[in-house]
């Protein structure tokens, strides 16, 4: 495929929201990236065009058989007024792992990065600069072939949309309360749990709604077989500090390989903190708390970065963690990752990519 990305600028630019108006997923920028794939020609026609509706046949495979994947990353405005990406290579690699699982064509990883750079550079004025704000980047791939039949589609669209966002949680960097799900399951080994595909999130909605009605921010999923091993939270990976060690569930085939999870593990190792990736049961977490060995719990994800957990509710028991406050490691990780992402602190691992 050609690597030249064409640009068609909008003739109807939108009014940009003020930084204080930003929430998550509400506003979208003036432009989007698009390219198409066919069985005969592969990916072709990469282009930045005005943001607008996609044209889909009602029989498009994505609408009937859920052949769809997506990614999520952010662009940040630095104090020097430069625009920075954080570890986009990890998102490119994960997109292609998801594509392989869903029988979809891979995207050249260099093109993935070039496409993000092109559309973000076009809408660079939409990147907010206030603390806690950023430009959320949503690459996605959908099956577009008009065909009813259970087989991989022959045509696809890959697109990238941009969304200026404020803090993921309206309450700010405060601990959240999480409900442990012991009825529904999110994924099993051999399924699609480690792929970033929309069906995983659709299947989580019933549990999330129930949790919200009970006053909880998120759901913590257990494994789908024995219903006792901790997997991940609805929108992020999970970690615990037990006996001064960072303990997080190992990637088992049903857990998303999170970019922030990987970043957290690397920074903890840099700081001399013992990191343990292994299966961990919900009973072990409660026992560690009762014995005074559980010091912290927090989520790790692109949207919230680090999300401290103040309470876990499981069956008829509620567990208060870190006295209901933000733990020291959660705070340190949040500050460090946020500062690296925004170019405030040096980048020790070459994670940051500048958009020129």
Protein backbone atom coordinates (compact mmCIF):
# COMPACT_ATOMS: atom_id res chain seq x y z
CA UNK A 1 0.00 0.00 0.00
CA UNK A 2 1.06 3.59 -0.49
CA UNK A 3 2.37 5.39 2.57
CA UNK A 4 1.16 8.79 1.36
CA UNK A 5 -1.68 10.01 3.55
CA UNK A 6 -3.97 12.45 1.76
CA UNK A 7 -5.56 15.34 3.65
CA UNK A 8 -8.95 16.93 3.08
CA UNK A 9 -9.59 19.73 5.56
CA UNK A 10 -13.04 20.50 6.88
CA UNK A 11 -14.77 23.66 5.71
CA UNK A 12 -16.94 23.64 8.82
CA UNK A 13 -14.67 23.70 11.88
CA UNK A 14 -16.39 23.16 15.19
CA UNK A 15 -16.25 25.40 18.23
CA UNK A 16 -13.74 23.89 20.65
CA UNK A 17 -14.91 23.19 24.19
CA UNK A 18 -13.24 24.94 27.10
CA UNK A 19 -10.93 22.79 29.19
CA UNK A 20 -13.28 22.98 32.16
CA UNK A 21 -16.13 21.58 30.02
CA UNK A 22 -14.29 18.40 29.11
CA UNK A 23 -15.47 15.01 30.26
CA UNK A 24 -14.70 11.61 28.74
CA UNK A 25 -16.02 10.70 25.30
CA UNK A 26 -18.32 13.68 24.71
CA UNK A 27 -16.55 15.96 22.21
CA UNK A 28 -14.87 15.00 18.92
CA UNK A 29 -12.42 16.90 16.77
CA UNK A 30 -12.74 18.21 13.20
CA UNK A 31 -10.98 15.35 11.41
CA UNK A 32 -10.59 11.57 11.35
CA UNK A 33 -8.31 9.05 9.66
CA UNK A 34 -9.68 6.41 7.31
CA UNK A 35 -8.34 3.60 5.16
CA UNK A 36 -9.87 0.51 3.60
CA UNK A 37 -8.85 -3.09 2.99
CA UNK A 38 -9.98 -5.64 0.43
CA UNK A 39 -8.92 -9.24 -0.05
CA UNK A 40 -7.32 -8.38 -3.41
CA UNK A 41 -5.54 -5.14 -2.60
CA UNK A 42 -4.94 -5.12 1.15
CA UNK A 43 -4.97 -1.76 2.91
CA UNK A 44 -5.26 1.24 0.63
CA UNK A 45 -6.34 4.88 0.38
CA UNK A 46 -5.07 6.19 3.73
CA UNK A 47 -6.57 9.62 4.29
CA UNK A 48 -7.39 12.30 6.82
CA UNK A 49 -10.88 13.65 6.17
CA UNK A 50 -13.50 15.76 7.97
CA UNK A 51 -15.06 13.96 10.94
CA UNK A 52 -18.42 12.52 9.95
CA UNK A 53 -20.66 9.46 9.67
CA UNK A 54 -19.48 6.19 8.17
CA UNK A 55 -21.53 4.67 5.37
CA UNK A 56 -22.35 1.00 6.08
CA UNK A 57 -24.59 -1.48 4.35
CA UNK A 58 -27.22 -2.86 6.77
CA UNK A 59 -25.77 -6.32 6.13
CA UNK A 60 -22.19 -5.26 7.02
CA UNK A 61 -20.52 -8.09 8.90
CA UNK A 62 -19.64 -5.94 11.91
CA UNK A 63 -23.33 -5.34 12.61
CA UNK A 64 -24.20 -9.03 12.69
CA UNK A 65 -21.10 -10.95 13.74
CA UNK A 66 -19.17 -8.38 15.81
CA UNK A 67 -15.95 -8.54 13.80
CA UNK A 68 -14.48 -5.42 15.39
CA UNK A 69 -11.44 -4.33 17.39
CA UNK A 70 -10.18 -1.06 18.79
CA UNK A 71 -7.40 0.62 20.73
CA UNK A 72 -7.07 3.56 23.10
CA UNK A 73 -4.18 5.93 23.72
CA UNK A 74 -3.65 9.62 24.35
CA UNK A 75 -1.80 12.69 23.12
CA UNK A 76 -0.56 15.23 25.66
CA UNK A 77 0.43 18.89 25.44
CA UNK A 78 3.79 19.44 27.13
CA UNK A 79 4.88 22.59 28.99
CA UNK A 80 6.93 23.41 25.85
CA UNK A 81 3.70 23.31 23.80
CA UNK A 82 4.79 20.15 21.98
CA UNK A 83 2.40 17.24 21.40
CA UNK A 84 3.48 13.89 22.83
CA UNK A 85 2.30 10.29 22.45
CA UNK A 86 3.01 7.62 25.04
CA UNK A 87 4.11 4.15 23.92
CA UNK A 88 2.04 4.02 20.69
CA UNK A 89 4.12 1.06 19.52
CA UNK A 90 2.51 -1.05 22.25
CA UNK A 91 -0.94 -0.14 20.97
CA UNK A 92 0.05 -0.98 17.40
CA UNK A 93 1.32 -4.41 18.43
CA UNK A 94 -1.76 -5.11 20.56
CA UNK A 95 -4.10 -4.06 17.74
CA UNK A 96 -2.51 -6.68 15.51
CA UNK A 97 -2.76 -9.37 18.19
CA UNK A 98 -6.45 -8.54 18.48
CA UNK A 99 -6.78 -8.59 14.69
CA UNK A 100 -5.25 -12.06 14.51
CA UNK A 101 -7.68 -13.38 17.14
CA UNK A 102 -10.68 -11.88 15.30
CA UNK A 103 -9.54 -13.04 11.83
CA UNK A 104 -8.93 -9.49 10.63
CA UNK A 105 -6.06 -8.12 8.53
CA UNK A 106 -3.04 -6.67 10.36
CA UNK A 107 -2.16 -2.99 10.05
CA UNK A 108 1.45 -2.14 9.27
CA UNK A 109 2.75 -0.79 12.58
CA UNK A 110 4.64 2.06 10.93
CA UNK A 111 1.44 3.07 9.13
CA UNK A 112 -0.46 2.88 12.43
CA UNK A 113 1.92 5.42 13.93
CA UNK A 114 1.99 7.60 10.80
CA UNK A 115 -1.80 7.66 10.74
CA UNK A 116 -2.00 8.78 14.37
CA UNK A 117 0.63 11.44 13.80
CA UNK A 118 -1.16 12.72 10.70
CA UNK A 119 -4.60 13.12 12.22
CA UNK A 120 -3.34 14.45 15.57
CA UNK A 121 -1.09 16.97 13.79
CA UNK A 122 -4.09 18.11 11.73
CA UNK A 123 -6.13 18.68 14.91
CA UNK A 124 -3.27 19.68 17.20
CA UNK A 125 -5.18 22.77 18.36
CA UNK A 126 -7.70 20.40 19.95
CA UNK A 127 -5.11 18.98 22.37
CA UNK A 128 -5.99 20.60 25.71
CA UNK A 129 -3.30 21.82 28.05
CA UNK A 130 -4.92 22.06 31.49
CA UNK A 131 -3.78 19.60 34.18
CA UNK A 132 -5.58 16.26 33.90
CA UNK A 133 -6.67 16.85 30.31
CA UNK A 134 -5.50 15.12 27.12
CA UNK A 135 -6.57 14.11 23.63
CA UNK A 136 -7.95 10.57 23.63
CA UNK A 137 -7.16 8.62 20.45
CA UNK A 138 -9.47 5.81 19.36
CA UNK A 139 -8.20 3.62 16.47
CA UNK A 140 -10.74 0.99 15.40
CA UNK A 141 -11.22 -1.63 12.70
CA UNK A 142 -14.57 -2.96 11.50
CA UNK A 143 -15.70 -5.60 8.99
CA UNK A 144 -17.65 -3.84 6.24
CA UNK A 145 -18.48 -6.58 3.73
CA UNK A 146 -22.25 -6.74 3.01
CA UNK A 147 -22.75 -10.42 3.65
CA UNK A 148 -24.73 -12.63 6.00
CA UNK A 149 -22.71 -15.69 6.91
CA UNK A 150 -20.37 -16.75 9.67
CA UNK A 151 -16.94 -16.36 8.10
CA UNK A 152 -14.24 -13.67 8.07
CA UNK A 153 -15.26 -10.65 6.00
CA UNK A 154 -13.47 -9.72 2.79
CA UNK A 155 -13.50 -5.94 3.31
CA UNK A 156 -12.60 -3.75 6.29
CA UNK A 157 -12.29 -0.14 7.36
CA UNK A 158 -9.71 1.20 9.78
CA UNK A 159 -10.36 4.60 11.30
CA UNK A 160 -9.06 6.89 14.02
CA UNK A 161 -11.16 9.46 15.86
CA UNK A 162 -10.01 11.98 18.44
CA UNK A 163 -11.68 13.18 21.61
CA UNK A 164 -10.42 15.92 23.97
CA UNK A 165 -11.02 14.66 27.49
CA UNK A 166 -10.85 15.74 31.08
CA UNK A 167 -10.17 13.45 34.01
CA UNK A 168 -11.71 9.98 33.58
CA UNK A 169 -13.32 10.09 37.00
CA UNK A 170 -15.30 13.25 37.71
CA UNK A 171 -14.43 12.95 41.41
CA UNK A 172 -10.74 13.36 40.59
CA UNK A 173 -7.78 11.30 41.80
CA UNK A 174 -9.66 9.79 44.70
CA UNK A 175 -10.06 6.14 45.67
CA UNK A 176 -12.93 4.24 44.06
CA UNK A 177 -15.22 1.54 45.39
CA UNK A 178 -15.32 -1.71 43.41
CA UNK A 179 -17.81 -4.57 43.43
CA UNK A 180 -16.43 -8.09 42.90
CA UNK A 181 -18.60 -9.90 40.33
CA UNK A 182 -19.42 -13.48 41.39
CA UNK A 183 -22.30 -14.24 39.01
CA UNK A 184 -21.42 -13.19 35.48
CA UNK A 185 -18.06 -13.83 33.82
CA UNK A 186 -16.19 -11.64 31.36
CA UNK A 187 -13.90 -14.12 29.59
CA UNK A 188 -12.27 -17.53 29.74
CA UNK A 189 -8.94 -18.85 28.53
CA UNK A 190 -9.20 -19.61 24.85
CA UNK A 191 -11.88 -16.93 24.39
CA UNK A 192 -11.44 -13.32 23.33
CA UNK A 193 -10.59 -11.82 26.72
CA UNK A 194 -7.08 -10.78 25.73
CA UNK A 195 -8.32 -9.16 22.49
CA UNK A 196 -9.56 -5.58 22.61
CA UNK A 197 -12.87 -6.24 20.94
CA UNK A 198 -16.21 -4.63 21.62
CA UNK A 199 -18.03 -7.80 22.61
CA UNK A 200 -15.94 -8.07 25.77
CA UNK A 201 -17.24 -4.68 26.86
CA UNK A 202 -20.85 -5.29 25.83
CA UNK A 203 -20.91 -8.42 27.98
CA UNK A 204 -19.75 -6.38 30.97
CA UNK A 205 -22.57 -3.82 30.85
CA UNK A 206 -25.11 -5.71 32.96
CA UNK A 207 -22.63 -6.14 35.81
CA UNK A 208 -21.45 -2.54 35.53
CA UNK A 209 -25.01 -1.24 35.72
CA UNK A 210 -25.71 -3.35 38.79
CA UNK A 211 -22.53 -2.07 40.42
CA UNK A 212 -23.43 1.55 39.69
CA UNK A 213 -26.89 1.09 41.18
CA UNK A 214 -25.20 -0.14 44.36
CA UNK A 215 -22.86 2.87 44.46
CA UNK A 216 -19.72 1.28 43.04
CA UNK A 217 -17.57 2.72 40.26
CA UNK A 218 -16.37 -0.50 38.66
CA UNK A 219 -16.64 -4.29 38.62
CA UNK A 220 -13.77 -6.63 39.44
CA UNK A 221 -13.98 -9.80 37.36
CA UNK A 222 -13.06 -13.28 38.55
CA UNK A 223 -12.00 -16.14 36.31
CA UNK A 224 -14.73 -17.85 34.34
CA UNK A 225 -14.01 -21.43 35.47
CA UNK A 226 -13.40 -21.54 39.21
CA UNK A 227 -14.81 -18.08 39.94
CA UNK A 228 -12.07 -17.31 42.44
CA UNK A 229 -9.01 -15.98 40.61
CA UNK A 230 -8.86 -12.21 40.11
CA UNK A 231 -8.61 -11.10 36.50
CA UNK A 232 -9.20 -7.40 35.81
CA UNK A 233 -11.54 -4.47 36.39
CA UNK A 234 -14.02 -3.38 33.73
CA UNK A 235 -11.76 -0.72 32.19
CA UNK A 236 -8.34 -1.47 33.64
CA UNK A 237 -5.93 -4.03 35.04
CA UNK A 238 -5.61 -4.45 38.82
CA UNK A 239 -2.67 -4.63 41.23
CA UNK A 240 -2.21 -5.09 44.97
CA UNK A 241 0.57 -4.18 47.37
CA UNK A 242 1.02 -7.13 49.72
CA UNK A 243 3.99 -7.37 52.09
CA UNK A 244 5.61 -4.44 50.20
CA UNK A 245 5.49 -6.36 46.90
CA UNK A 246 3.48 -5.35 43.85
CA UNK A 247 1.25 -8.33 43.01
CA UNK A 248 -0.80 -8.42 39.82
CA UNK A 249 -2.59 -11.25 38.01
CA UNK A 250 -0.42 -12.87 35.36
CA UNK A 251 -1.50 -12.63 31.74
CA UNK A 252 -3.38 -15.88 31.27
CA UNK A 253 -5.08 -15.48 27.90
CA UNK A 254 -8.24 -13.95 29.33
CA UNK A 255 -6.73 -10.68 30.59
CA UNK A 256 -5.94 -7.64 28.46
CA UNK A 257 -2.22 -6.89 28.13
CA UNK A 258 -2.48 -3.31 29.35
CA UNK A 259 0.03 -0.64 28.33
CA UNK A 260 -0.28 1.09 31.71
CA UNK A 261 0.07 -2.27 33.43
CA UNK A 262 3.36 -2.86 31.62
CA UNK A 263 4.50 0.69 32.42
CA UNK A 264 3.67 0.23 36.10
CA UNK A 265 5.60 -3.03 36.31
CA UNK A 266 8.67 -1.49 34.68
CA UNK A 267 8.68 1.59 36.92
CA UNK A 268 8.20 -0.52 40.06
CA UNK A 269 11.21 -2.62 39.05
CA UNK A 270 13.19 0.56 38.37
CA UNK A 271 12.44 1.65 41.94
CA UNK A 272 13.56 -1.65 43.44
CA UNK A 273 10.06 -2.83 44.31
CA UNK A 274 9.52 -6.57 44.09
CA UNK A 275 7.01 -7.35 41.34
CA UNK A 276 5.09 -10.64 41.30
CA UNK A 277 2.90 -11.67 38.36
CA UNK A 278 0.88 -14.72 39.38
CA UNK A 279 -2.64 -16.03 39.90
CA UNK A 280 -4.22 -14.46 42.98
CA UNK A 281 -7.56 -15.40 44.51
CA UNK A 282 -10.08 -13.00 45.96
CA UNK A 283 -9.92 -14.96 49.21
CA UNK A 284 -6.17 -14.36 49.40
CA UNK A 285 -6.71 -10.61 49.09
CA UNK A 286 -9.30 -10.59 51.88
CA UNK A 287 -7.08 -12.78 54.09
CA UNK A 288 -4.10 -10.50 53.48
CA UNK A 289 -6.22 -7.56 54.55
CA UNK A 290 -7.42 -9.28 57.72
CA UNK A 291 -3.80 -10.13 58.56
CA UNK A 292 -2.60 -6.57 57.98
CA UNK A 293 -0.52 -7.54 54.94
CA UNK A 294 -2.60 -5.80 52.24
CA UNK A 295 -1.35 -2.25 51.93
CA UNK A 296 -2.84 -0.94 48.68
CA UNK A 297 -4.92 -1.80 45.64
CA UNK A 298 -5.21 0.18 42.41
CA UNK A 299 -6.28 -0.09 38.82
CA UNK A 300 -4.04 0.64 35.83
CA UNK A 301 -5.36 1.86 32.49
CA UNK A 302 -5.00 4.44 29.73
CA UNK A 303 -8.13 6.38 30.64
CA UNK A 304 -7.54 6.86 34.37
CA UNK A 305 -3.76 6.05 34.47
CA UNK A 306 -3.79 4.88 38.11
CA UNK A 307 -7.05 4.46 40.00
CA UNK A 308 -6.69 3.79 43.75
CA UNK A 309 -9.19 1.37 45.28
CA UNK A 310 -10.60 2.17 48.71
CA UNK A 311 -13.15 -0.64 49.00
CA UNK A 312 -13.80 -4.10 47.63
CA UNK A 313 -17.22 -5.66 48.14
CA UNK A 314 -17.45 -9.42 47.72
CA UNK A 315 -20.58 -11.41 48.58
CA UNK A 316 -21.61 -10.11 52.02
CA UNK A 317 -18.25 -8.66 53.02
CA UNK A 318 -16.75 -5.23 52.43
CA UNK A 319 -13.03 -4.61 52.60
CA UNK A 320 -11.59 -1.17 53.30
CA UNK A 321 -8.13 -0.68 51.80
CA UNK A 322 -5.44 1.81 52.82
CA UNK A 323 -7.85 3.37 55.31
CA UNK A 324 -9.92 4.54 52.38
CA UNK A 325 -7.16 6.86 51.18
CA UNK A 326 -4.79 7.03 48.23
CA UNK A 327 -1.81 4.78 48.93
CA UNK A 328 1.78 6.02 48.55
CA UNK A 329 2.69 3.73 45.64
CA UNK A 330 -0.49 4.58 43.74
CA UNK A 331 0.25 8.27 44.18
CA UNK A 332 3.89 7.90 43.16
CA UNK A 333 2.98 5.90 40.05
CA UNK A 334 0.25 8.33 39.03
CA UNK A 335 2.58 11.30 39.40
CA UNK A 336 5.50 9.62 37.63
CA UNK A 337 3.53 8.27 34.67
CA UNK A 338 1.60 11.52 34.23
CA UNK A 339 4.80 13.58 34.34
CA UNK A 340 6.55 11.35 31.80
CA UNK A 341 3.53 11.43 29.50
CA UNK A 342 3.47 15.24 29.57
CA UNK A 343 7.19 15.68 29.18
CA UNK A 344 7.58 17.15 32.67
CA UNK A 345 10.06 14.47 33.74
CA UNK A 346 12.77 12.69 31.73
CA UNK A 347 11.66 9.59 29.83
CA UNK A 348 13.94 6.76 31.04
CA UNK A 349 12.81 4.15 28.51
CA UNK A 350 12.17 5.99 25.25
CA UNK A 351 8.40 5.73 25.69
CA UNK A 352 7.47 9.22 24.50
CA UNK A 353 7.00 10.06 20.81
CA UNK A 354 6.77 13.68 19.74
CA UNK A 355 4.43 14.77 16.95
CA UNK A 356 6.00 17.43 14.75
